[in-house]
């Protein structure tokens, strides 16, 4: 059974653009090799951190959304924890979307007398 996951990770601000792209490609390939589906990657660019992390004030933010069976999360987080380029990461499992309500079940507006 596949679930939707969202991961955001922050790369060191002193990396060159090519190095940032190499890191993004490395984690994308890791997810694809581990059977993740519907992979969407958004690079937010260099942004100011809310608080200093390892004496860094800025960082490159990357958001990754994918579908998987959950076996990808632990190895991916381990690889990020061991990497010197990643200063912070967070993976969340997204809640399942509810089916939209049928149009026939919409309540009629009621007039309220004052």
PDB file of N, CA and C in Angstrom:
ATOM      1  N   UNK A   1       0.849  -1.179   0.000  1.00  0.00           N
ATOM      2  CA  UNK A   1       0.000   0.000   0.000  1.00  0.00           C
ATOM      3  C   UNK A   1       0.893   1.240   0.000  1.00  0.00           C
ATOM      4  N   UNK A   2       0.607   2.148  -0.904  1.00  0.00           N
ATOM      5  CA  UNK A   2       1.461   3.329  -1.002  1.00  0.00           C
ATOM      6  C   UNK A   2       0.830   4.515  -0.281  1.00  0.00           C
ATOM      7  N   UNK A   3       1.689   5.314   0.294  1.00  0.00           N
ATOM      8  CA  UNK A   3       1.289   6.526   1.009  1.00  0.00           C
ATOM      9  C   UNK A   3       1.985   7.716   0.366  1.00  0.00           C
ATOM     10  N   UNK A   4       1.437   8.894   0.614  1.00  0.00           N
ATOM     11  CA  UNK A   4       2.060  10.128   0.128  1.00  0.00           C
ATOM     12  C   UNK A   4       3.001  10.665   1.195  1.00  0.00           C
ATOM     13  N   UNK A   5       4.202  11.041   0.778  1.00  0.00           N
ATOM     14  CA  UNK A   5       5.202  11.592   1.681  1.00  0.00           C
ATOM     15  C   UNK A   5       5.662  12.947   1.163  1.00  0.00           C
ATOM     16  N   UNK A   6       6.023  13.805   2.111  1.00  0.00           N
ATOM     17  CA  UNK A   6       6.613  15.089   1.774  1.00  0.00           C
ATOM     18  C   UNK A   6       7.887  15.237   2.591  1.00  0.00           C
ATOM     19  N   UNK A   7       8.966  15.557   1.914  1.00  0.00           N
ATOM     20  CA  UNK A   7      10.242  15.749   2.598  1.00  0.00           C
ATOM     21  C   UNK A   7      10.781  17.119   2.215  1.00  0.00           C
ATOM     22  N   UNK A   8      11.272  17.819   3.211  1.00  0.00           N
ATOM     23  CA  UNK A   8      11.969  19.077   2.978  1.00  0.00           C
ATOM     24  C   UNK A   8      13.352  18.930   3.607  1.00  0.00           C
ATOM     25  N   UNK A   9      14.357  19.268   2.823  1.00  0.00           N
ATOM     26  CA  UNK A   9      15.705  19.253   3.376  1.00  0.00           C
ATOM     27  C   UNK A   9      16.425  20.536   3.003  1.00  0.00           C
ATOM     28  N   UNK A  10      17.409  20.879   3.841  1.00  0.00           N
ATOM     29  CA  UNK A  10      18.159  22.123   3.679  1.00  0.00           C
ATOM     30  C   UNK A  10      19.625  21.766   3.468  1.00  0.00           C
ATOM     31  N   UNK A  11      20.191  22.309   2.398  1.00  0.00           N
ATOM     32  CA  UNK A  11      21.603  22.093   2.081  1.00  0.00           C
ATOM     33  C   UNK A  11      22.435  23.292   2.534  1.00  0.00           C
ATOM     34  N   UNK A  12      23.710  23.063   2.772  1.00  0.00           N
ATOM     35  CA  UNK A  12      24.624  24.127   3.208  1.00  0.00           C
ATOM     36  C   UNK A  12      24.609  25.295   2.226  1.00  0.00           C
ATOM     37  N   UNK A  13      24.702  26.531   2.721  1.00  0.00           N
ATOM     38  CA  UNK A  13      24.646  27.690   1.836  1.00  0.00           C
ATOM     39  C   UNK A  13      25.923  27.934   1.038  1.00  0.00           C
ATOM     40  N   UNK A  14      27.036  27.325   1.434  1.00  0.00           N
ATOM     41  CA  UNK A  14      28.294  27.572   0.737  1.00  0.00           C
ATOM     42  C   UNK A  14      28.507  26.645  -0.468  1.00  0.00           C
ATOM     43  N   UNK A  15      27.502  25.844  -0.817  1.00  0.00           N
ATOM     44  CA  UNK A  15      27.608  24.965  -1.980  1.00  0.00           C
ATOM     45  C   UNK A  15      27.410  25.762  -3.268  1.00  0.00           C
ATOM     46  N   UNK A  16      28.085  25.344  -4.314  1.00  0.00           N
ATOM     47  CA  UNK A  16      27.901  25.937  -5.639  1.00  0.00           C
ATOM     48  C   UNK A  16      26.606  25.380  -6.241  1.00  0.00           C
ATOM     49  N   UNK A  17      26.072  26.067  -7.247  1.00  0.00           N
ATOM     50  CA  UNK A  17      24.827  25.627  -7.896  1.00  0.00           C
ATOM     51  C   UNK A  17      24.947  24.201  -8.440  1.00  0.00           C
ATOM     52  N   UNK A  18      26.112  23.859  -8.993  1.00  0.00           N
ATOM     53  CA  UNK A  18      26.311  22.512  -9.533  1.00  0.00           C
ATOM     54  C   UNK A  18      26.269  21.469  -8.414  1.00  0.00           C
ATOM     55  N   UNK A  19      26.843  21.816  -7.262  1.00  0.00           N
ATOM     56  CA  UNK A  19      26.839  20.888  -6.132  1.00  0.00           C
ATOM     57  C   UNK A  19      25.429  20.705  -5.589  1.00  0.00           C
ATOM     58  N   UNK A  20      24.658  21.778  -5.552  1.00  0.00           N
ATOM     59  CA  UNK A  20      23.266  21.678  -5.101  1.00  0.00           C
ATOM     60  C   UNK A  20      22.502  20.753  -6.040  1.00  0.00           C
ATOM     61  N   UNK A  21      22.685  20.928  -7.346  1.00  0.00           N
ATOM     62  CA  UNK A  21      21.997  20.085  -8.320  1.00  0.00           C
ATOM     63  C   UNK A  21      22.442  18.633  -8.211  1.00  0.00           C
ATOM     64  N   UNK A  22      23.721  18.391  -7.918  1.00  0.00           N
ATOM     65  CA  UNK A  22      24.214  17.029  -7.732  1.00  0.00           C
ATOM     66  C   UNK A  22      23.540  16.367  -6.533  1.00  0.00           C
ATOM     67  N   UNK A  23      23.384  17.117  -5.438  1.00  0.00           N
ATOM     68  CA  UNK A  23      22.730  16.571  -4.255  1.00  0.00           C
ATOM     69  C   UNK A  23      21.263  16.259  -4.534  1.00  0.00           C
ATOM     70  N   UNK A  24      20.575  17.172  -5.212  1.00  0.00           N
ATOM     71  CA  UNK A  24      19.160  16.946  -5.555  1.00  0.00           C
ATOM     72  C   UNK A  24      19.035  15.706  -6.427  1.00  0.00           C
ATOM     73  N   UNK A  25      19.911  15.565  -7.416  1.00  0.00           N
ATOM     74  CA  UNK A  25      19.884  14.399  -8.300  1.00  0.00           C
ATOM     75  C   UNK A  25      20.215  13.112  -7.551  1.00  0.00           C
ATOM     76  N   UNK A  26      21.133  13.196  -6.593  1.00  0.00           N
ATOM     77  CA  UNK A  26      21.516  12.012  -5.817  1.00  0.00           C
ATOM     78  C   UNK A  26      20.317  11.471  -5.031  1.00  0.00           C
ATOM     79  N   UNK A  27      19.582  12.350  -4.367  1.00  0.00           N
ATOM     80  CA  UNK A  27      18.432  11.898  -3.580  1.00  0.00           C
ATOM     81  C   UNK A  27      17.250  11.516  -4.469  1.00  0.00           C
ATOM     82  N   UNK A  28      17.116  12.172  -5.636  1.00  0.00           N
ATOM     83  CA  UNK A  28      16.074  11.778  -6.590  1.00  0.00           C
ATOM     84  C   UNK A  28      16.339  10.361  -7.091  1.00  0.00           C
ATOM     85  N   UNK A  29      17.585  10.096  -7.484  1.00  0.00           N
ATOM     86  CA  UNK A  29      17.940   8.762  -7.973  1.00  0.00           C
ATOM     87  C   UNK A  29      17.767   7.707  -6.880  1.00  0.00           C
ATOM     88  N   UNK A  30      18.100   8.066  -5.648  1.00  0.00           N
ATOM     89  CA  UNK A  30      17.922   7.138  -4.524  1.00  0.00           C
ATOM     90  C   UNK A  30      16.450   6.745  -4.393  1.00  0.00           C
ATOM     91  N   UNK A  31      15.550   7.729  -4.458  1.00  0.00           N
ATOM     92  CA  UNK A  31      14.125   7.432  -4.346  1.00  0.00           C
ATOM     93  C   UNK A  31      13.632   6.592  -5.515  1.00  0.00           C
ATOM     94  N   UNK A  32      14.082   6.913  -6.719  1.00  0.00           N
ATOM     95  CA  UNK A  32      13.650   6.142  -7.891  1.00  0.00           C
ATOM     96  C   UNK A  32      14.163   4.705  -7.821  1.00  0.00           C
ATOM     97  N   UNK A  33      15.392   4.512  -7.335  1.00  0.00           N
ATOM     98  CA  UNK A  33      15.946   3.167  -7.190  1.00  0.00           C
ATOM     99  C   UNK A  33      15.194   2.358  -6.141  1.00  0.00           C
ATOM    100  N   UNK A  34      14.600   3.034  -5.164  1.00  0.00           N
ATOM    101  CA  UNK A  34      13.853   2.360  -4.100  1.00  0.00           C
ATOM    102  C   UNK A  34      12.354   2.364  -4.358  1.00  0.00           C
ATOM    103  N   UNK A  35      11.961   2.456  -5.615  1.00  0.00           N
ATOM    104  CA  UNK A  35      10.582   2.284  -6.075  1.00  0.00           C
ATOM    105  C   UNK A  35       9.616   3.353  -5.590  1.00  0.00           C
ATOM    106  N   UNK A  36      10.076   4.575  -5.432  1.00  0.00           N
ATOM    107  CA  UNK A  36       9.160   5.685  -5.145  1.00  0.00           C
ATOM    108  C   UNK A  36       8.482   6.077  -6.451  1.00  0.00           C
ATOM    109  N   UNK A  37       7.238   6.507  -6.352  1.00  0.00           N
ATOM    110  CA  UNK A  37       6.456   6.869  -7.537  1.00  0.00           C
ATOM    111  C   UNK A  37       5.992   8.308  -7.429  1.00  0.00           C
ATOM    112  N   UNK A  38       5.572   8.865  -8.556  1.00  0.00           N
ATOM    113  CA  UNK A  38       4.985  10.207  -8.624  1.00  0.00           C
ATOM    114  C   UNK A  38       5.890  11.233  -7.923  1.00  0.00           C
ATOM    115  N   UNK A  39       7.154  11.229  -8.292  1.00  0.00           N
ATOM    116  CA  UNK A  39       8.169  12.076  -7.661  1.00  0.00           C
ATOM    117  C   UNK A  39       8.063  13.508  -8.172  1.00  0.00           C
ATOM    118  N   UNK A  40       7.963  14.460  -7.257  1.00  0.00           N
ATOM    119  CA  UNK A  40       7.915  15.879  -7.591  1.00  0.00           C
ATOM    120  C   UNK A  40       8.945  16.603  -6.733  1.00  0.00           C
ATOM    121  N   UNK A  41       9.837  17.354  -7.382  1.00  0.00           N
ATOM    122  CA  UNK A  41      10.911  18.054  -6.673  1.00  0.00           C
ATOM    123  C   UNK A  41      10.800  19.537  -6.967  1.00  0.00           C
ATOM    124  N   UNK A  42      10.817  20.346  -5.897  1.00  0.00           N
ATOM    125  CA  UNK A  42      10.809  21.800  -6.031  1.00  0.00           C
ATOM    126  C   UNK A  42      12.019  22.345  -5.276  1.00  0.00           C
ATOM    127  N   UNK A  43      12.873  23.050  -5.988  1.00  0.00           N
ATOM    128  CA  UNK A  43      14.016  23.691  -5.345  1.00  0.00           C
ATOM    129  C   UNK A  43      13.628  25.134  -5.058  1.00  0.00           C
ATOM    130  N   UNK A  44      13.554  25.479  -3.790  1.00  0.00           N
ATOM    131  CA  UNK A  44      13.126  26.819  -3.383  1.00  0.00           C
ATOM    132  C   UNK A  44      14.258  27.828  -3.492  1.00  0.00           C
ATOM    133  N   UNK A  45      15.473  27.358  -3.554  1.00  0.00           N
ATOM    134  CA  UNK A  45      16.614  28.256  -3.637  1.00  0.00           C
ATOM    135  C   UNK A  45      17.176  28.583  -2.265  1.00  0.00           C
ATOM    136  N   UNK A  46      18.066  29.561  -2.245  1.00  0.00           N
ATOM    137  CA  UNK A  46      18.741  29.956  -1.003  1.00  0.00           C
ATOM    138  C   UNK A  46      17.835  30.899  -0.218  1.00  0.00           C
ATOM    139  N   UNK A  47      17.573  30.544   1.031  1.00  0.00           N
ATOM    140  CA  UNK A  47      16.705  31.347   1.898  1.00  0.00           C
ATOM    141  C   UNK A  47      17.313  31.467   3.289  1.00  0.00           C
ATOM    142  N   UNK A  48      16.847  32.472   3.986  1.00  0.00           N
ATOM    143  CA  UNK A  48      17.280  32.724   5.362  1.00  0.00           C
ATOM    144  C   UNK A  48      16.646  31.683   6.286  1.00  0.00           C
ATOM    145  N   UNK A  49      17.447  31.123   7.202  1.00  0.00           N
ATOM    146  CA  UNK A  49      16.937  30.171   8.184  1.00  0.00           C
ATOM    147  C   UNK A  49      16.230  30.917   9.308  1.00  0.00           C
ATOM    148  N   UNK A  50      15.282  30.266   9.936  1.00  0.00           N
ATOM    149  CA  UNK A  50      14.571  30.878  11.054  1.00  0.00           C
ATOM    150  C   UNK A  50      15.501  31.045  12.258  1.00  0.00           C
ATOM    151  N   UNK A  51      16.460  30.157  12.396  1.00  0.00           N
ATOM    152  CA  UNK A  51      17.456  30.226  13.461  1.00  0.00           C
ATOM    153  C   UNK A  51      18.742  29.584  12.943  1.00  0.00           C
ATOM    154  N   UNK A  52      19.882  29.946  13.495  1.00  0.00           N
ATOM    155  CA  UNK A  52      21.143  29.382  12.988  1.00  0.00           C
ATOM    156  C   UNK A  52      21.221  27.866  13.208  1.00  0.00           C
ATOM    157  N   UNK A  53      21.717  27.171  12.197  1.00  0.00           N
ATOM    158  CA  UNK A  53      21.945  25.733  12.281  1.00  0.00           C
ATOM    159  C   UNK A  53      23.401  25.502  11.928  1.00  0.00           C
ATOM    160  N   UNK A  54      24.152  24.961  12.862  1.00  0.00           N
ATOM    161  CA  UNK A  54      25.590  24.690  12.656  1.00  0.00           C
ATOM    162  C   UNK A  54      26.306  25.941  12.144  1.00  0.00           C
ATOM    163  N   UNK A  55      25.989  27.082  12.734  1.00  0.00           N
ATOM    164  CA  UNK A  55      26.581  28.384  12.423  1.00  0.00           C
ATOM    165  C   UNK A  55      26.252  28.893  11.019  1.00  0.00           C
ATOM    166  N   UNK A  56      25.215  28.323  10.384  1.00  0.00           N
ATOM    167  CA  UNK A  56      24.757  28.791   9.075  1.00  0.00           C
ATOM    168  C   UNK A  56      23.524  29.660   9.265  1.00  0.00           C
ATOM    169  N   UNK A  57      23.469  30.785   8.554  1.00  0.00           N
ATOM    170  CA  UNK A  57      22.308  31.676   8.609  1.00  0.00           C
ATOM    171  C   UNK A  57      21.355  31.436   7.434  1.00  0.00           C
ATOM    172  N   UNK A  58      21.881  30.855   6.332  1.00  0.00           N
ATOM    173  CA  UNK A  58      21.108  30.602   5.122  1.00  0.00           C
ATOM    174  C   UNK A  58      21.202  29.121   4.763  1.00  0.00           C
ATOM    175  N   UNK A  59      20.386  28.719   3.791  1.00  0.00           N
ATOM    176  CA  UNK A  59      20.461  27.350   3.300  1.00  0.00           C
ATOM    177  C   UNK A  59      19.640  27.194   2.033  1.00  0.00           C
ATOM    178  N   UNK A  60      19.966  26.170   1.253  1.00  0.00           N
ATOM    179  CA  UNK A  60      19.202  25.849   0.047  1.00  0.00           C
ATOM    180  C   UNK A  60      18.081  24.883   0.435  1.00  0.00           C
ATOM    181  N   UNK A  61      16.848  25.311   0.231  1.00  0.00           N
ATOM    182  CA  UNK A  61      15.680  24.503   0.572  1.00  0.00           C
ATOM    183  C   UNK A  61      15.247  23.680  -0.636  1.00  0.00           C
ATOM    184  N   UNK A  62      14.920  22.408  -0.395  1.00  0.00           N
ATOM    185  CA  UNK A  62      14.426  21.515  -1.444  1.00  0.00           C
ATOM    186  C   UNK A  62      13.231  20.749  -0.879  1.00  0.00           C
ATOM    187  N   UNK A  63      12.131  20.734  -1.638  1.00  0.00           N
ATOM    188  CA  UNK A  63      10.922  20.000  -1.244  1.00  0.00           C
ATOM    189  C   UNK A  63      10.735  18.828  -2.203  1.00  0.00           C
ATOM    190  N   UNK A  64      10.483  17.650  -1.646  1.00  0.00           N
ATOM    191  CA  UNK A  64      10.274  16.444  -2.437  1.00  0.00           C
ATOM    192  C   UNK A  64       8.965  15.801  -2.007  1.00  0.00           C
ATOM    193  N   UNK A  65       8.063  15.593  -2.966  1.00  0.00           N
ATOM    194  CA  UNK A  65       6.818  14.872  -2.713  1.00  0.00           C
ATOM    195  C   UNK A  65       6.877  13.569  -3.514  1.00  0.00           C
ATOM    196  N   UNK A  66       6.472  12.464  -2.883  1.00  0.00           N
ATOM    197  CA  UNK A  66       6.491  11.180  -3.580  1.00  0.00           C
ATOM    198  C   UNK A  66       5.512  10.218  -2.937  1.00  0.00           C
ATOM    199  N   UNK A  67       5.219   9.139  -3.676  1.00  0.00           N
ATOM    200  CA  UNK A  67       4.407   8.045  -3.161  1.00  0.00           C
ATOM    201  C   UNK A  67       5.319   6.850  -2.971  1.00  0.00           C
ATOM    202  N   UNK A  68       5.131   6.173  -1.842  1.00  0.00           N
ATOM    203  CA  UNK A  68       5.957   5.006  -1.575  1.00  0.00           C
ATOM    204  C   UNK A  68       5.310   4.129  -0.520  1.00  0.00           C
ATOM    205  N   UNK A  69       5.918   2.966  -0.312  1.00  0.00           N
ATOM    206  CA  UNK A  69       5.375   2.027   0.671  1.00  0.00           C
ATOM    207  C   UNK A  69       5.974   2.213   2.060  1.00  0.00           C
ATOM    208  N   UNK A  70       6.845   3.199   2.230  1.00  0.00           N
ATOM    209  CA  UNK A  70       7.414   3.503   3.539  1.00  0.00           C
ATOM    210  C   UNK A  70       8.806   2.951   3.747  1.00  0.00           C
ATOM    211  N   UNK A  71       9.240   2.042   2.885  1.00  0.00           N
ATOM    212  CA  UNK A  71      10.578   1.472   3.050  1.00  0.00           C
ATOM    213  C   UNK A  71      11.674   2.432   2.597  1.00  0.00           C
ATOM    214  N   UNK A  72      11.304   3.516   1.928  1.00  0.00           N
ATOM    215  CA  UNK A  72      12.287   4.482   1.443  1.00  0.00           C
ATOM    216  C   UNK A  72      12.717   5.458   2.529  1.00  0.00           C
ATOM    217  N   UNK A  73      11.890   5.688   3.515  1.00  0.00           N
ATOM    218  CA  UNK A  73      12.096   6.787   4.460  1.00  0.00           C
ATOM    219  C   UNK A  73      13.363   6.594   5.303  1.00  0.00           C
ATOM    220  N   UNK A  74      13.500   5.476   5.971  1.00  0.00           N
ATOM    221  CA  UNK A  74      14.634   5.267   6.879  1.00  0.00           C
ATOM    222  C   UNK A  74      15.983   5.291   6.157  1.00  0.00           C
ATOM    223  N   UNK A  75      16.157   4.577   5.041  1.00  0.00           N
ATOM    224  CA  UNK A  75      17.461   4.646   4.358  1.00  0.00           C
ATOM    225  C   UNK A  75      17.782   6.045   3.812  1.00  0.00           C
ATOM    226  N   UNK A  76      16.766   6.749   3.331  1.00  0.00           N
ATOM    227  CA  UNK A  76      16.985   8.097   2.815  1.00  0.00           C
ATOM    228  C   UNK A  76      17.397   9.047   3.938  1.00  0.00           C
ATOM    229  N   UNK A  77      16.714   8.975   5.061  1.00  0.00           N
ATOM    230  CA  UNK A  77      17.072   9.829   6.200  1.00  0.00           C
ATOM    231  C   UNK A  77      18.456   9.469   6.745  1.00  0.00           C
ATOM    232  N   UNK A  78      18.813   8.193   6.708  1.00  0.00           N
ATOM    233  CA  UNK A  78      20.154   7.797   7.161  1.00  0.00           C
ATOM    234  C   UNK A  78      21.218   8.398   6.245  1.00  0.00           C
ATOM    235  N   UNK A  79      20.978   8.353   4.931  1.00  0.00           N
ATOM    236  CA  UNK A  79      21.929   8.931   3.981  1.00  0.00           C
ATOM    237  C   UNK A  79      22.067  10.431   4.205  1.00  0.00           C
ATOM    238  N   UNK A  80      20.970  11.110   4.514  1.00  0.00           N
ATOM    239  CA  UNK A  80      21.024  12.557   4.766  1.00  0.00           C
ATOM    240  C   UNK A  80      21.727  12.863   6.085  1.00  0.00           C
ATOM    241  N   UNK A  81      21.500  12.027   7.083  1.00  0.00           N
ATOM    242  CA  UNK A  81      22.142  12.232   8.386  1.00  0.00           C
ATOM    243  C   UNK A  81      23.660  12.099   8.268  1.00  0.00           C
ATOM    244  N   UNK A  82      24.133  11.189   7.407  1.00  0.00           N
ATOM    245  CA  UNK A  82      25.563  10.969   7.230  1.00  0.00           C
ATOM    246  C   UNK A  82      26.204  11.968   6.271  1.00  0.00           C
ATOM    247  N   UNK A  83      25.392  12.697   5.522  1.00  0.00           N
ATOM    248  CA  UNK A  83      25.910  13.649   4.538  1.00  0.00           C
ATOM    249  C   UNK A  83      26.357  14.941   5.223  1.00  0.00           C
ATOM    250  N   UNK A  84      27.473  15.492   4.757  1.00  0.00           N
ATOM    251  CA  UNK A  84      27.954  16.772   5.279  1.00  0.00           C
ATOM    252  C   UNK A  84      27.236  17.949   4.626  1.00  0.00           C
ATOM    253  N   UNK A  85      26.609  17.718   3.480  1.00  0.00           N
ATOM    254  CA  UNK A  85      25.947  18.795   2.755  1.00  0.00           C
ATOM    255  C   UNK A  85      24.557  19.124   3.300  1.00  0.00           C
ATOM    256  N   UNK A  86      23.874  18.152   3.895  1.00  0.00           N
ATOM    257  CA  UNK A  86      22.523  18.360   4.425  1.00  0.00           C
ATOM    258  C   UNK A  86      22.624  18.813   5.877  1.00  0.00           C
ATOM    259  N   UNK A  87      22.028  19.989   6.173  1.00  0.00           N
ATOM    260  CA  UNK A  87      22.092  20.481   7.555  1.00  0.00           C
ATOM    261  C   UNK A  87      20.792  20.217   8.322  1.00  0.00           C
ATOM    262  N   UNK A  88      19.694  19.951   7.620  1.00  0.00           N
ATOM    263  CA  UNK A  88      18.425  19.627   8.296  1.00  0.00           C
ATOM    264  C   UNK A  88      17.503  18.950   7.294  1.00  0.00           C
ATOM    265  N   UNK A  89      16.663  18.013   7.774  1.00  0.00           N
ATOM    266  CA  UNK A  89      15.691  17.341   6.929  1.00  0.00           C
ATOM    267  C   UNK A  89      14.474  16.959   7.762  1.00  0.00           C
ATOM    268  N   UNK A  90      13.354  16.803   7.093  1.00  0.00           N
ATOM    269  CA  UNK A  90      12.127  16.384   7.765  1.00  0.00           C
ATOM    270  C   UNK A  90      11.237  15.677   6.756  1.00  0.00           C
ATOM    271  N   UNK A  91      10.759  14.495   7.128  1.00  0.00           N
ATOM    272  CA  UNK A  91       9.837  13.738   6.285  1.00  0.00           C
ATOM    273  C   UNK A  91       8.525  13.575   7.035  1.00  0.00           C
ATOM    274  N   UNK A  92       7.433  13.857   6.348  1.00  0.00           N
ATOM    275  CA  UNK A  92       6.114  13.643   6.953  1.00  0.00           C
ATOM    276  C   UNK A  92       5.274  12.780   6.020  1.00  0.00           C
ATOM    277  N   UNK A  93       4.419  11.972   6.632  1.00  0.00           N
ATOM    278  CA  UNK A  93       3.466  11.171   5.866  1.00  0.00           C
ATOM    279  C   UNK A  93       2.179  11.964   5.792  1.00  0.00           C
ATOM    280  N   UNK A  94       1.734  12.255   4.585  1.00  0.00           N
ATOM    281  CA  UNK A  94       0.546  13.073   4.402  1.00  0.00           C
ATOM    282  C   UNK A  94      -0.713  12.247   4.626  1.00  0.00           C
ATOM    283  N   UNK A  95      -1.731  12.893   5.165  1.00  0.00           N
ATOM    284  CA  UNK A  95      -3.006  12.225   5.396  1.00  0.00           C
ATOM    285  C   UNK A  95      -3.674  11.932   4.062  1.00  0.00           C
ATOM    286  N   UNK A  96      -4.458  10.878   4.050  1.00  0.00           N
ATOM    287  CA  UNK A  96      -5.198  10.559   2.827  1.00  0.00           C
ATOM    288  C   UNK A  96      -6.252  11.611   2.586  1.00  0.00           C
ATOM    289  N   UNK A  97      -6.460  11.913   1.314  1.00  0.00           N
ATOM    290  CA  UNK A  97      -7.467  12.900   0.960  1.00  0.00           C
ATOM    291  C   UNK A  97      -8.851  12.270   1.037  1.00  0.00           C
ATOM    292  N   UNK A  98      -9.797  13.032   1.564  1.00  0.00           N
ATOM    293  CA  UNK A  98     -11.172  12.550   1.610  1.00  0.00           C
ATOM    294  C   UNK A  98     -11.814  12.760   0.251  1.00  0.00           C
ATOM    295  N   UNK A  99     -12.753  11.882  -0.073  1.00  0.00           N
ATOM    296  CA  UNK A  99     -13.471  12.020  -1.335  1.00  0.00           C
ATOM    297  C   UNK A  99     -14.368  13.248  -1.249  1.00  0.00           C
ATOM    298  N   UNK A 100     -14.477  14.014  -2.343  1.00  0.00           N
ATOM    299  CA  UNK A 100     -15.329  15.204  -2.302  1.00  0.00           C
ATOM    300  C   UNK A 100     -16.798  14.817  -2.099  1.00  0.00           C
ATOM    301  N   UNK A 101     -17.527  15.684  -1.424  1.00  0.00           N
ATOM    302  CA  UNK A 101     -18.942  15.427  -1.148  1.00  0.00           C
ATOM    303  C   UNK A 101     -19.729  15.475  -2.449  1.00  0.00           C
ATOM    304  N   UNK A 102     -20.760  14.647  -2.515  1.00  0.00           N
ATOM    305  CA  UNK A 102     -21.613  14.645  -3.700  1.00  0.00           C
ATOM    306  C   UNK A 102     -22.446  15.915  -3.699  1.00  0.00           C
ATOM    307  N   UNK A 103     -22.768  16.404  -4.881  1.00  0.00           N
ATOM    308  CA  UNK A 103     -23.518  17.657  -4.970  1.00  0.00           C
ATOM    309  C   UNK A 103     -24.931  17.504  -4.435  1.00  0.00           C
ATOM    310  N   UNK A 104     -25.470  16.294  -4.442  1.00  0.00           N
ATOM    311  CA  UNK A 104     -26.834  16.100  -3.947  1.00  0.00           C
ATOM    312  C   UNK A 104     -26.900  16.138  -2.421  1.00  0.00           C
ATOM    313  N   UNK A 105     -25.726  15.988  -1.750  1.00  0.00           N
ATOM    314  CA  UNK A 105     -25.711  15.978  -0.303  1.00  0.00           C
ATOM    315  C   UNK A 105     -25.432  17.344   0.310  1.00  0.00           C
ATOM    316  N   UNK A 106     -25.361  18.382  -0.524  1.00  0.00           N
ATOM    317  CA  UNK A 106     -25.094  19.714  -0.022  1.00  0.00           C
ATOM    318  C   UNK A 106     -26.355  20.249   0.662  1.00  0.00           C
ATOM    319  N   UNK A 107     -26.193  20.797   1.846  1.00  0.00           N
ATOM    320  CA  UNK A 107     -27.330  21.302   2.613  1.00  0.00           C
ATOM    321  C   UNK A 107     -27.904  22.565   1.975  1.00  0.00           C
ATOM    322  N   UNK A 108     -29.199  22.698   2.056  1.00  0.00           N
ATOM    323  CA  UNK A 108     -29.869  23.894   1.546  1.00  0.00           C
ATOM    324  C   UNK A 108     -29.684  25.038   2.522  1.00  0.00           C
ATOM    325  N   UNK A 109     -29.524  26.265   2.055  1.00  0.00           N
ATOM    326  CA  UNK A 109     -29.411  27.401   2.976  1.00  0.00           C
ATOM    327  C   UNK A 109     -30.728  27.601   3.727  1.00  0.00           C
ATOM    328  N   UNK A 110     -30.604  27.949   4.997  1.00  0.00           N
ATOM    329  CA  UNK A 110     -31.770  28.153   5.852  1.00  0.00           C
ATOM    330  C   UNK A 110     -31.840  29.608   6.249  1.00  0.00           C
ATOM    331  N   UNK A 111     -33.008  30.201   6.133  1.00  0.00           N
ATOM    332  CA  UNK A 111     -33.187  31.596   6.545  1.00  0.00           C
ATOM    333  C   UNK A 111     -33.355  31.661   8.054  1.00  0.00           C
ATOM    334  N   UNK A 112     -32.633  32.571   8.675  1.00  0.00           N
ATOM    335  CA  UNK A 112     -32.714  32.742  10.132  1.00  0.00           C
ATOM    336  C   UNK A 112     -33.428  34.053  10.419  1.00  0.00           C
ATOM    337  N   UNK A 113     -34.484  33.953  11.230  1.00  0.00           N
ATOM    338  CA  UNK A 113     -35.231  35.176  11.582  1.00  0.00           C
ATOM    339  C   UNK A 113     -34.634  35.783  12.829  1.00  0.00           C
ATOM    340  N   UNK A 114     -34.547  37.098  12.819  1.00  0.00           N
ATOM    341  CA  UNK A 114     -33.973  37.779  13.963  1.00  0.00           C
ATOM    342  C   UNK A 114     -35.040  38.283  14.900  1.00  0.00           C
TER     343      UNK A 114
END
